[in-house]
């Protein structure tokens, strides 16, 4: 799978001509393997400062997790996610990063601890849902750690590599800790600043 999909994504990025590119176009660039890569596809743009994508893709990943929790296998992107558009240069960047991720995984990932690398596990679905919730939160640069966690999980599911899923779990724990710290900091700062502002 690795070599064909890496070249396919790079060719698709080079062939783009439209000024706006939809997520459905990016999914179609994966060819017949698209249904296996939906989580990774939705997580990747969240690493980049593309305006307006975090909320839509976060909700899309939450929908993916909910379907997996119920035992269903999503075969395509949710409609709102599929219709999401981004400028061509960002779309090319997303495909380039995906190609690089697949290339690196092809060199290092392999089938191991495969019982952990299955989307049928409710623990995996629950973790994806939690990371998707953090992505949706309006925290500056708050998408990066949960998106990395989701990418590792997505690669683990594609390559049946439980070690990648474990690494995704570790990144998720870090994301939860950092997010909780930022929320606590904002709450502390707001509690100290707001009473003075109201009495001014």
N, C-alpha and C. Protein backbone atom coordinates (compact mmCIF):
# COMPACT_ATOMS: atom_id res chain seq x y z
N UNK A 1 0.81 -1.21 0.00
CA UNK A 1 0.00 0.00 0.00
C UNK A 1 0.85 1.26 0.00
N UNK A 2 1.99 1.26 0.71
CA UNK A 2 2.69 2.51 1.02
C UNK A 2 3.17 3.25 -0.23
N UNK A 3 3.96 2.56 -1.08
CA UNK A 3 4.53 3.25 -2.23
C UNK A 3 3.46 3.79 -3.17
N UNK A 4 2.45 3.01 -3.55
CA UNK A 4 1.42 3.55 -4.45
C UNK A 4 0.69 4.76 -3.88
N UNK A 5 0.32 4.71 -2.60
CA UNK A 5 -0.45 5.82 -2.05
C UNK A 5 0.41 7.07 -1.89
N UNK A 6 1.67 6.91 -1.53
CA UNK A 6 2.56 8.06 -1.42
C UNK A 6 2.68 8.77 -2.77
N UNK A 7 2.92 8.00 -3.82
CA UNK A 7 3.06 8.60 -5.15
C UNK A 7 1.73 9.17 -5.63
N UNK A 8 0.63 8.49 -5.32
CA UNK A 8 -0.69 8.96 -5.74
C UNK A 8 -0.99 10.32 -5.11
N UNK A 9 -0.69 10.47 -3.83
CA UNK A 9 -0.97 11.74 -3.15
C UNK A 9 -0.08 12.86 -3.68
N UNK A 10 1.18 12.56 -3.94
CA UNK A 10 2.07 13.59 -4.48
C UNK A 10 1.64 14.00 -5.89
N UNK A 11 1.23 13.03 -6.69
CA UNK A 11 0.75 13.35 -8.04
C UNK A 11 -0.52 14.19 -7.98
N UNK A 12 -1.42 13.84 -7.05
CA UNK A 12 -2.67 14.59 -6.92
C UNK A 12 -2.40 16.02 -6.49
N UNK A 13 -1.44 16.22 -5.58
CA UNK A 13 -1.09 17.57 -5.14
C UNK A 13 -0.53 18.39 -6.31
N UNK A 14 0.33 17.77 -7.11
CA UNK A 14 0.94 18.49 -8.23
C UNK A 14 -0.07 18.81 -9.31
N UNK A 15 -1.13 18.00 -9.42
CA UNK A 15 -2.11 18.18 -10.49
C UNK A 15 -3.22 19.16 -10.14
N UNK A 16 -3.27 19.64 -8.92
CA UNK A 16 -4.36 20.54 -8.51
C UNK A 16 -4.33 21.85 -9.29
N UNK A 17 -5.50 22.26 -9.77
CA UNK A 17 -5.62 23.51 -10.51
C UNK A 17 -6.66 24.45 -9.92
N UNK A 18 -7.68 23.90 -9.25
CA UNK A 18 -8.73 24.74 -8.68
C UNK A 18 -8.19 25.54 -7.50
N UNK A 19 -8.72 26.75 -7.36
CA UNK A 19 -8.29 27.62 -6.26
C UNK A 19 -8.79 27.13 -4.91
N UNK A 20 -9.93 26.44 -4.90
CA UNK A 20 -10.50 25.88 -3.67
C UNK A 20 -10.62 24.38 -3.84
N UNK A 21 -10.26 23.64 -2.81
CA UNK A 21 -10.25 22.19 -2.87
C UNK A 21 -11.04 21.66 -1.67
N UNK A 22 -11.93 20.72 -1.91
CA UNK A 22 -12.76 20.17 -0.84
C UNK A 22 -12.09 18.97 -0.17
N UNK A 23 -12.56 18.66 1.02
CA UNK A 23 -12.07 17.46 1.70
C UNK A 23 -12.44 16.20 0.92
N UNK A 24 -13.56 16.24 0.20
CA UNK A 24 -13.93 15.10 -0.64
C UNK A 24 -12.89 14.87 -1.73
N UNK A 25 -12.37 15.97 -2.29
CA UNK A 25 -11.31 15.85 -3.29
C UNK A 25 -10.07 15.18 -2.68
N UNK A 26 -9.73 15.56 -1.46
CA UNK A 26 -8.56 14.97 -0.80
C UNK A 26 -8.79 13.49 -0.51
N UNK A 27 -10.02 13.14 -0.15
CA UNK A 27 -10.33 11.73 0.09
C UNK A 27 -10.21 10.94 -1.21
N UNK A 28 -10.71 11.50 -2.31
CA UNK A 28 -10.66 10.80 -3.59
C UNK A 28 -9.23 10.61 -4.07
N UNK A 29 -8.33 11.50 -3.65
CA UNK A 29 -6.92 11.36 -4.04
C UNK A 29 -6.31 10.08 -3.48
N UNK A 30 -6.92 9.52 -2.41
CA UNK A 30 -6.42 8.28 -1.83
C UNK A 30 -6.80 7.06 -2.65
N UNK A 31 -7.73 7.23 -3.58
CA UNK A 31 -8.15 6.09 -4.38
C UNK A 31 -8.96 5.09 -3.57
N UNK A 32 -8.83 3.80 -3.87
CA UNK A 32 -9.65 2.79 -3.21
C UNK A 32 -9.35 2.61 -1.72
N UNK A 33 -8.26 3.19 -1.24
CA UNK A 33 -7.91 3.05 0.18
C UNK A 33 -8.52 4.14 1.06
N UNK A 34 -9.34 5.01 0.47
CA UNK A 34 -9.83 6.18 1.20
C UNK A 34 -10.57 5.79 2.48
N UNK A 35 -11.39 4.74 2.44
CA UNK A 35 -12.21 4.40 3.61
C UNK A 35 -11.36 3.98 4.80
N UNK A 36 -10.13 3.54 4.54
CA UNK A 36 -9.24 3.11 5.63
C UNK A 36 -8.51 4.29 6.27
N UNK A 37 -8.53 5.43 5.62
CA UNK A 37 -7.68 6.55 6.03
C UNK A 37 -8.47 7.77 6.49
N UNK A 38 -9.76 7.61 6.73
CA UNK A 38 -10.62 8.77 7.02
C UNK A 38 -10.15 9.51 8.27
N UNK A 39 -9.80 8.77 9.33
CA UNK A 39 -9.38 9.43 10.57
C UNK A 39 -8.12 10.24 10.34
N UNK A 40 -7.14 9.64 9.69
CA UNK A 40 -5.88 10.33 9.42
C UNK A 40 -6.11 11.54 8.53
N UNK A 41 -6.96 11.40 7.53
CA UNK A 41 -7.26 12.50 6.61
C UNK A 41 -7.87 13.68 7.36
N UNK A 42 -8.78 13.42 8.30
CA UNK A 42 -9.41 14.52 9.04
C UNK A 42 -8.48 15.12 10.07
N UNK A 43 -7.53 14.32 10.60
CA UNK A 43 -6.63 14.84 11.63
C UNK A 43 -5.54 15.74 11.04
N UNK A 44 -5.06 15.40 9.86
CA UNK A 44 -3.90 16.12 9.31
C UNK A 44 -4.11 17.63 9.16
N UNK A 45 -5.24 18.11 8.58
CA UNK A 45 -5.39 19.56 8.44
C UNK A 45 -5.42 20.30 9.78
N UNK A 46 -5.73 19.59 10.87
CA UNK A 46 -5.79 20.24 12.18
C UNK A 46 -4.41 20.63 12.70
N UNK A 47 -3.37 20.11 12.07
CA UNK A 47 -2.00 20.50 12.44
C UNK A 47 -1.63 21.85 11.85
N UNK A 48 -2.36 22.28 10.85
CA UNK A 48 -1.99 23.49 10.11
C UNK A 48 -2.92 24.64 10.50
N UNK A 49 -2.43 25.87 10.41
CA UNK A 49 -3.26 27.04 10.77
C UNK A 49 -4.23 27.42 9.66
N UNK A 50 -5.10 26.49 9.29
CA UNK A 50 -6.09 26.74 8.24
C UNK A 50 -7.36 27.26 8.90
N UNK A 51 -7.78 28.48 8.61
CA UNK A 51 -8.95 29.06 9.29
C UNK A 51 -10.20 28.20 9.09
N UNK A 52 -10.91 27.96 10.19
CA UNK A 52 -12.23 27.35 10.12
C UNK A 52 -12.29 25.85 10.02
N UNK A 53 -11.15 25.15 10.01
CA UNK A 53 -11.22 23.70 9.81
C UNK A 53 -11.37 22.93 11.11
N UNK A 54 -10.85 23.47 12.22
CA UNK A 54 -10.81 22.71 13.46
C UNK A 54 -12.18 22.24 13.93
N UNK A 55 -13.15 23.14 13.94
CA UNK A 55 -14.47 22.79 14.44
C UNK A 55 -15.14 21.74 13.56
N UNK A 56 -15.11 21.96 12.24
CA UNK A 56 -15.78 21.03 11.32
C UNK A 56 -15.11 19.65 11.38
N UNK A 57 -13.79 19.61 11.32
CA UNK A 57 -13.10 18.33 11.32
C UNK A 57 -13.18 17.65 12.69
N UNK A 58 -13.15 18.45 13.75
CA UNK A 58 -13.32 17.87 15.09
C UNK A 58 -14.66 17.18 15.22
N UNK A 59 -15.72 17.83 14.74
CA UNK A 59 -17.04 17.21 14.79
C UNK A 59 -17.10 15.99 13.87
N UNK A 60 -16.40 16.06 12.74
CA UNK A 60 -16.35 14.91 11.85
C UNK A 60 -15.67 13.72 12.49
N UNK A 61 -14.57 13.96 13.20
CA UNK A 61 -13.88 12.87 13.89
C UNK A 61 -14.71 12.33 15.04
N UNK A 62 -15.47 13.21 15.70
CA UNK A 62 -16.37 12.74 16.76
C UNK A 62 -17.44 11.83 16.16
N UNK A 63 -17.96 12.18 14.98
CA UNK A 63 -18.96 11.34 14.31
C UNK A 63 -18.35 10.00 13.92
N UNK A 64 -17.09 10.01 13.47
CA UNK A 64 -16.38 8.76 13.14
C UNK A 64 -16.28 7.88 14.39
N UNK A 65 -15.91 8.50 15.51
CA UNK A 65 -15.76 7.75 16.76
C UNK A 65 -17.10 7.19 17.22
N UNK A 66 -18.16 7.98 17.08
CA UNK A 66 -19.49 7.51 17.50
C UNK A 66 -19.93 6.31 16.66
N UNK A 67 -19.65 6.37 15.37
CA UNK A 67 -20.01 5.24 14.50
C UNK A 67 -19.23 3.99 14.89
N UNK A 68 -17.94 4.16 15.15
CA UNK A 68 -17.12 3.02 15.56
C UNK A 68 -17.58 2.48 16.91
N UNK A 69 -17.98 3.34 17.80
CA UNK A 69 -18.46 2.91 19.12
C UNK A 69 -19.68 2.01 18.96
N UNK A 70 -20.53 2.34 17.97
CA UNK A 70 -21.74 1.54 17.74
C UNK A 70 -21.47 0.30 16.89
N UNK A 71 -20.21 0.13 16.47
CA UNK A 71 -19.87 -1.04 15.68
C UNK A 71 -20.01 -0.86 14.19
N UNK A 72 -20.23 0.38 13.73
CA UNK A 72 -20.36 0.65 12.30
C UNK A 72 -19.00 1.03 11.71
N UNK A 73 -18.85 0.85 10.41
CA UNK A 73 -17.61 1.20 9.72
C UNK A 73 -17.90 2.31 8.71
N UNK A 74 -17.54 3.55 9.03
CA UNK A 74 -17.78 4.64 8.07
C UNK A 74 -17.04 4.38 6.76
N UNK A 75 -17.74 4.57 5.67
CA UNK A 75 -17.12 4.36 4.35
C UNK A 75 -16.84 5.67 3.63
N UNK A 76 -17.22 6.78 4.24
CA UNK A 76 -16.98 8.07 3.61
C UNK A 76 -17.02 9.17 4.65
N UNK A 77 -16.66 10.36 4.23
CA UNK A 77 -16.68 11.51 5.13
C UNK A 77 -18.10 11.97 5.38
N UNK A 78 -18.39 12.50 6.59
CA UNK A 78 -19.69 13.15 6.80
C UNK A 78 -19.87 14.28 5.79
N UNK A 79 -21.10 14.55 5.41
CA UNK A 79 -21.36 15.51 4.34
C UNK A 79 -20.74 16.88 4.62
N UNK A 80 -20.90 17.37 5.85
CA UNK A 80 -20.36 18.70 6.17
C UNK A 80 -18.83 18.70 6.04
N UNK A 81 -18.20 17.62 6.42
CA UNK A 81 -16.74 17.52 6.28
C UNK A 81 -16.36 17.42 4.81
N UNK A 82 -17.09 16.60 4.06
CA UNK A 82 -16.78 16.41 2.63
C UNK A 82 -16.87 17.73 1.87
N UNK A 83 -17.78 18.60 2.28
CA UNK A 83 -17.99 19.88 1.59
C UNK A 83 -17.02 20.97 2.04
N UNK A 84 -16.29 20.74 3.12
CA UNK A 84 -15.35 21.74 3.63
C UNK A 84 -14.27 22.01 2.59
N UNK A 85 -14.05 23.29 2.28
CA UNK A 85 -13.05 23.66 1.29
C UNK A 85 -11.92 24.44 1.92
N UNK A 86 -10.75 24.35 1.29
CA UNK A 86 -9.59 25.12 1.72
C UNK A 86 -8.85 25.60 0.48
N UNK A 87 -8.05 26.65 0.62
CA UNK A 87 -7.26 27.13 -0.52
C UNK A 87 -6.34 26.03 -1.05
N UNK A 88 -6.04 26.12 -2.35
CA UNK A 88 -5.25 25.08 -3.00
C UNK A 88 -3.91 24.85 -2.32
N UNK A 89 -3.22 25.93 -1.90
CA UNK A 89 -1.89 25.73 -1.33
C UNK A 89 -1.96 24.97 -0.01
N UNK A 90 -3.05 25.14 0.75
CA UNK A 90 -3.20 24.36 1.98
C UNK A 90 -3.53 22.91 1.65
N UNK A 91 -4.37 22.69 0.66
CA UNK A 91 -4.71 21.33 0.26
C UNK A 91 -3.46 20.58 -0.21
N UNK A 92 -2.61 21.26 -0.97
CA UNK A 92 -1.37 20.63 -1.42
C UNK A 92 -0.46 20.32 -0.24
N UNK A 93 -0.46 21.20 0.73
CA UNK A 93 0.35 20.97 1.93
C UNK A 93 -0.17 19.75 2.70
N UNK A 94 -1.49 19.63 2.81
CA UNK A 94 -2.08 18.49 3.51
C UNK A 94 -1.70 17.19 2.81
N UNK A 95 -1.83 17.14 1.49
CA UNK A 95 -1.49 15.93 0.76
C UNK A 95 0.00 15.62 0.88
N UNK A 96 0.83 16.65 0.86
CA UNK A 96 2.27 16.44 1.02
C UNK A 96 2.61 15.86 2.38
N UNK A 97 1.97 16.37 3.43
CA UNK A 97 2.21 15.86 4.78
C UNK A 97 1.69 14.43 4.92
N UNK A 98 0.54 14.16 4.32
CA UNK A 98 0.02 12.80 4.36
C UNK A 98 0.96 11.83 3.65
N UNK A 99 1.48 12.24 2.49
CA UNK A 99 2.43 11.39 1.77
C UNK A 99 3.67 11.13 2.61
N UNK A 100 4.16 12.16 3.29
CA UNK A 100 5.33 11.98 4.16
C UNK A 100 5.03 11.05 5.33
N UNK A 101 3.82 11.20 5.90
CA UNK A 101 3.44 10.34 7.02
C UNK A 101 3.35 8.88 6.58
N UNK A 102 2.75 8.64 5.42
CA UNK A 102 2.67 7.27 4.91
C UNK A 102 4.05 6.72 4.58
N UNK A 103 4.91 7.57 4.02
CA UNK A 103 6.26 7.12 3.70
C UNK A 103 7.03 6.72 4.95
N UNK A 104 6.95 7.55 6.01
CA UNK A 104 7.64 7.24 7.26
C UNK A 104 7.06 5.98 7.90
N UNK A 105 5.73 5.87 7.88
CA UNK A 105 5.09 4.68 8.46
C UNK A 105 5.48 3.43 7.69
N UNK A 106 5.60 3.55 6.37
CA UNK A 106 5.99 2.40 5.58
C UNK A 106 7.37 1.87 5.94
N UNK A 107 8.23 2.77 6.42
CA UNK A 107 9.58 2.34 6.81
C UNK A 107 9.63 1.78 8.22
N UNK A 108 8.75 2.23 9.08
CA UNK A 108 8.88 1.87 10.50
C UNK A 108 7.71 1.05 11.05
N UNK A 109 6.52 1.24 10.51
CA UNK A 109 5.35 0.54 11.05
C UNK A 109 5.29 -0.89 10.53
N UNK A 110 4.72 -1.76 11.36
CA UNK A 110 4.48 -3.14 10.95
C UNK A 110 3.39 -3.72 11.85
N UNK A 111 2.85 -4.83 11.43
CA UNK A 111 1.79 -5.46 12.21
C UNK A 111 2.37 -6.00 13.52
N UNK A 112 1.99 -5.41 14.63
CA UNK A 112 2.42 -5.85 15.96
C UNK A 112 1.39 -5.34 16.96
N UNK A 113 1.23 -6.09 18.02
CA UNK A 113 0.20 -5.74 19.01
C UNK A 113 -1.11 -5.41 18.31
N UNK A 114 -1.43 -6.22 17.30
CA UNK A 114 -2.55 -5.88 16.43
C UNK A 114 -3.89 -5.86 17.15
N UNK A 115 -3.98 -6.53 18.30
CA UNK A 115 -5.23 -6.50 19.06
C UNK A 115 -5.53 -5.09 19.58
N UNK A 116 -4.50 -4.24 19.65
CA UNK A 116 -4.72 -2.86 20.07
C UNK A 116 -5.08 -1.96 18.90
N UNK A 117 -4.71 -2.38 17.70
CA UNK A 117 -4.87 -1.53 16.51
C UNK A 117 -6.14 -1.89 15.77
N UNK A 118 -7.25 -1.81 16.44
CA UNK A 118 -8.53 -2.07 15.81
C UNK A 118 -9.54 -1.02 16.24
N UNK A 119 -10.22 -0.45 15.26
CA UNK A 119 -11.19 0.60 15.57
C UNK A 119 -12.43 0.04 16.24
N UNK A 120 -12.57 -1.31 16.27
CA UNK A 120 -13.71 -1.90 16.94
C UNK A 120 -13.59 -1.81 18.47
N UNK A 121 -12.39 -1.55 18.96
CA UNK A 121 -12.21 -1.39 20.40
C UNK A 121 -12.85 -0.08 20.85
N UNK A 122 -13.75 -0.17 21.81
CA UNK A 122 -14.44 1.04 22.27
C UNK A 122 -13.47 2.02 22.93
N UNK A 123 -12.38 1.50 23.50
CA UNK A 123 -11.40 2.40 24.11
C UNK A 123 -10.77 3.30 23.05
N UNK A 124 -10.53 2.76 21.86
CA UNK A 124 -9.97 3.57 20.77
C UNK A 124 -10.99 4.62 20.32
N UNK A 125 -12.24 4.21 20.14
CA UNK A 125 -13.28 5.15 19.74
C UNK A 125 -13.46 6.25 20.79
N UNK A 126 -13.43 5.88 22.06
CA UNK A 126 -13.58 6.89 23.11
C UNK A 126 -12.42 7.86 23.13
N UNK A 127 -11.21 7.36 22.91
CA UNK A 127 -10.04 8.24 22.89
C UNK A 127 -10.11 9.21 21.72
N UNK A 128 -10.53 8.70 20.56
CA UNK A 128 -10.68 9.57 19.39
C UNK A 128 -11.72 10.66 19.65
N UNK A 129 -12.82 10.28 20.29
CA UNK A 129 -13.86 11.27 20.60
C UNK A 129 -13.34 12.35 21.54
N UNK A 130 -12.56 11.96 22.54
CA UNK A 130 -12.00 12.94 23.48
C UNK A 130 -11.04 13.89 22.78
N UNK A 131 -10.16 13.35 21.92
CA UNK A 131 -9.24 14.21 21.18
C UNK A 131 -10.00 15.14 20.23
N UNK A 132 -11.07 14.63 19.62
CA UNK A 132 -11.88 15.46 18.72
C UNK A 132 -12.51 16.62 19.49
N UNK A 133 -12.95 16.34 20.72
CA UNK A 133 -13.53 17.40 21.55
C UNK A 133 -12.49 18.49 21.84
N UNK A 134 -11.26 18.10 22.13
CA UNK A 134 -10.22 19.08 22.40
C UNK A 134 -9.92 19.91 21.14
N UNK A 135 -9.94 19.25 19.98
CA UNK A 135 -9.71 19.97 18.73
C UNK A 135 -10.75 21.07 18.54
N UNK A 136 -11.99 20.80 18.93
CA UNK A 136 -13.07 21.77 18.76
C UNK A 136 -12.94 22.96 19.71
N UNK A 137 -12.30 22.76 20.86
CA UNK A 137 -12.19 23.85 21.83
C UNK A 137 -11.43 25.04 21.24
N UNK A 138 -11.90 26.26 21.54
CA UNK A 138 -11.25 27.46 20.97
C UNK A 138 -9.99 27.86 21.75
N UNK A 139 -8.98 26.99 21.71
CA UNK A 139 -7.72 27.24 22.41
C UNK A 139 -6.64 27.50 21.36
N UNK A 140 -5.96 28.65 21.42
CA UNK A 140 -4.89 28.92 20.44
C UNK A 140 -3.85 27.80 20.41
N UNK A 141 -3.59 27.28 19.22
CA UNK A 141 -2.63 26.18 19.01
C UNK A 141 -3.02 24.92 19.77
N UNK A 142 -4.27 24.86 20.23
CA UNK A 142 -4.72 23.71 21.00
C UNK A 142 -4.97 22.48 20.15
N UNK A 143 -4.95 22.64 18.81
CA UNK A 143 -5.20 21.50 17.93
C UNK A 143 -4.00 20.58 17.78
N UNK A 144 -2.81 21.10 18.01
CA UNK A 144 -1.60 20.40 17.57
C UNK A 144 -1.42 19.05 18.26
N UNK A 145 -1.43 19.03 19.60
CA UNK A 145 -1.18 17.77 20.31
C UNK A 145 -2.28 16.74 20.07
N UNK A 146 -3.57 17.12 20.17
CA UNK A 146 -4.59 16.10 19.88
C UNK A 146 -4.56 15.64 18.43
N UNK A 147 -4.22 16.53 17.49
CA UNK A 147 -4.11 16.11 16.10
C UNK A 147 -2.97 15.12 15.91
N UNK A 148 -1.85 15.35 16.58
CA UNK A 148 -0.74 14.39 16.52
C UNK A 148 -1.16 13.04 17.09
N UNK A 149 -1.89 13.07 18.21
CA UNK A 149 -2.37 11.83 18.81
C UNK A 149 -3.29 11.09 17.84
N UNK A 150 -4.19 11.82 17.19
CA UNK A 150 -5.12 11.21 16.24
C UNK A 150 -4.39 10.67 15.01
N UNK A 151 -3.34 11.36 14.58
CA UNK A 151 -2.56 10.87 13.44
C UNK A 151 -1.88 9.55 13.78
N UNK A 152 -1.28 9.47 14.96
CA UNK A 152 -0.63 8.22 15.36
C UNK A 152 -1.63 7.08 15.46
N UNK A 153 -2.79 7.38 16.03
CA UNK A 153 -3.83 6.35 16.11
C UNK A 153 -4.28 5.94 14.71
N UNK A 154 -4.49 6.95 13.83
CA UNK A 154 -4.92 6.66 12.47
C UNK A 154 -3.91 5.80 11.72
N UNK A 155 -2.62 6.12 11.86
CA UNK A 155 -1.58 5.31 11.22
C UNK A 155 -1.56 3.90 11.80
N UNK A 156 -1.74 3.81 13.12
CA UNK A 156 -1.78 2.50 13.76
C UNK A 156 -2.91 1.64 13.22
N UNK A 157 -4.07 2.24 13.00
CA UNK A 157 -5.21 1.50 12.47
C UNK A 157 -4.96 1.06 11.03
N UNK A 158 -4.35 1.95 10.22
CA UNK A 158 -4.09 1.63 8.82
C UNK A 158 -3.09 0.49 8.70
N UNK A 159 -2.02 0.54 9.51
CA UNK A 159 -0.93 -0.44 9.39
C UNK A 159 -1.04 -1.57 10.41
N UNK A 160 -2.14 -1.59 11.18
CA UNK A 160 -2.34 -2.63 12.20
C UNK A 160 -1.18 -2.66 13.19
N UNK A 161 -0.67 -1.48 13.51
CA UNK A 161 0.48 -1.36 14.39
C UNK A 161 0.02 -0.85 15.76
N UNK A 162 -0.08 -1.77 16.73
CA UNK A 162 -0.52 -1.38 18.05
C UNK A 162 0.43 -0.45 18.76
N UNK A 163 1.73 -0.50 18.39
CA UNK A 163 2.69 0.41 19.02
C UNK A 163 2.37 1.85 18.66
N UNK A 164 1.97 2.10 17.42
CA UNK A 164 1.59 3.45 17.02
C UNK A 164 0.37 3.92 17.80
N UNK A 165 -0.56 3.00 18.06
CA UNK A 165 -1.74 3.36 18.85
C UNK A 165 -1.34 3.70 20.28
N UNK A 166 -0.40 2.93 20.84
CA UNK A 166 0.09 3.22 22.20
C UNK A 166 0.77 4.59 22.24
N UNK A 167 1.58 4.89 21.22
CA UNK A 167 2.20 6.21 21.15
C UNK A 167 1.14 7.31 21.03
N UNK A 168 0.09 7.01 20.28
CA UNK A 168 -1.02 7.96 20.20
C UNK A 168 -1.68 8.18 21.54
N UNK A 169 -1.80 7.11 22.33
CA UNK A 169 -2.36 7.23 23.67
C UNK A 169 -1.48 8.11 24.55
N UNK A 170 -0.16 7.92 24.46
CA UNK A 170 0.75 8.75 25.24
C UNK A 170 0.63 10.22 24.84
N UNK A 171 0.53 10.47 23.53
CA UNK A 171 0.37 11.84 23.07
C UNK A 171 -0.97 12.41 23.53
N UNK A 172 -2.00 11.56 23.58
CA UNK A 172 -3.32 12.00 24.04
C UNK A 172 -3.27 12.41 25.51
N UNK A 173 -2.55 11.63 26.33
CA UNK A 173 -2.41 11.97 27.75
C UNK A 173 -1.73 13.33 27.88
N UNK A 174 -0.69 13.56 27.07
CA UNK A 174 -0.01 14.85 27.10
C UNK A 174 -0.95 15.96 26.67
N UNK A 175 -1.74 15.70 25.64
CA UNK A 175 -2.69 16.71 25.15
C UNK A 175 -3.72 17.05 26.23
N UNK A 176 -4.20 16.04 26.93
CA UNK A 176 -5.17 16.28 28.01
C UNK A 176 -4.54 17.12 29.11
N UNK A 177 -3.31 16.79 29.49
CA UNK A 177 -2.63 17.53 30.55
C UNK A 177 -2.40 18.98 30.17
N UNK A 178 -1.93 19.22 28.95
CA UNK A 178 -1.67 20.59 28.50
C UNK A 178 -2.98 21.37 28.41
N UNK A 179 -4.02 20.75 27.86
CA UNK A 179 -5.30 21.43 27.74
C UNK A 179 -5.88 21.78 29.10
N UNK A 180 -5.82 20.84 30.04
CA UNK A 180 -6.31 21.11 31.39
C UNK A 180 -5.52 22.24 32.03
N UNK A 181 -4.20 22.25 31.80
CA UNK A 181 -3.38 23.33 32.35
C UNK A 181 -3.75 24.69 31.77
N UNK A 182 -3.99 24.73 30.48
CA UNK A 182 -4.36 26.00 29.84
C UNK A 182 -5.73 26.48 30.32
N UNK A 183 -6.67 25.56 30.48
CA UNK A 183 -8.00 25.94 30.97
C UNK A 183 -7.90 26.45 32.41
N UNK A 184 -7.11 25.77 33.24
CA UNK A 184 -6.93 26.22 34.62
C UNK A 184 -6.26 27.58 34.67
N UNK A 185 -5.27 27.80 33.81
CA UNK A 185 -4.59 29.09 33.76
C UNK A 185 -5.55 30.18 33.35
N UNK A 186 -6.38 29.91 32.34
CA UNK A 186 -7.36 30.91 31.89
C UNK A 186 -8.38 31.19 32.98
N UNK A 187 -8.81 30.15 33.69
CA UNK A 187 -9.78 30.34 34.77
C UNK A 187 -9.17 31.18 35.90
N UNK A 188 -7.93 30.89 36.26
CA UNK A 188 -7.26 31.64 37.33
C UNK A 188 -7.08 33.09 36.93
N UNK A 189 -6.64 33.30 35.69
CA UNK A 189 -6.44 34.68 35.22
C UNK A 189 -7.75 35.43 35.15
N UNK A 190 -8.81 34.74 34.66
CA UNK A 190 -10.11 35.38 34.56
C UNK A 190 -10.70 35.71 35.92
N UNK A 191 -10.50 34.80 36.88
CA UNK A 191 -11.04 35.03 38.22
C UNK A 191 -10.37 36.22 38.90
N UNK A 192 -9.08 36.44 38.58
CA UNK A 192 -8.37 37.56 39.18
C UNK A 192 -8.68 38.88 38.49
N UNK A 193 -8.95 38.81 37.18
CA UNK A 193 -9.11 40.03 36.40
C UNK A 193 -10.55 40.53 36.36
N UNK A 194 -11.52 39.59 36.30
CA UNK A 194 -12.91 39.97 36.09
C UNK A 194 -13.49 40.80 37.23
N UNK A 195 -13.29 40.44 38.52
CA UNK A 195 -13.90 41.26 39.58
C UNK A 195 -13.40 42.71 39.54
N UNK A 196 -12.11 42.92 39.27
CA UNK A 196 -11.61 44.28 39.20
C UNK A 196 -12.19 45.05 38.04
N UNK A 197 -12.41 44.37 36.92
CA UNK A 197 -12.97 45.02 35.75
C UNK A 197 -14.43 45.40 36.00
N UNK A 198 -15.18 44.54 36.73
CA UNK A 198 -16.59 44.82 36.98
C UNK A 198 -16.78 45.97 37.97
N UNK A 199 -15.82 46.14 38.88
CA UNK A 199 -15.97 47.20 39.87
C UNK A 199 -15.32 48.51 39.43
N UNK A 200 -14.64 48.47 38.27
CA UNK A 200 -13.96 49.69 37.80
C UNK A 200 -14.95 50.73 37.34
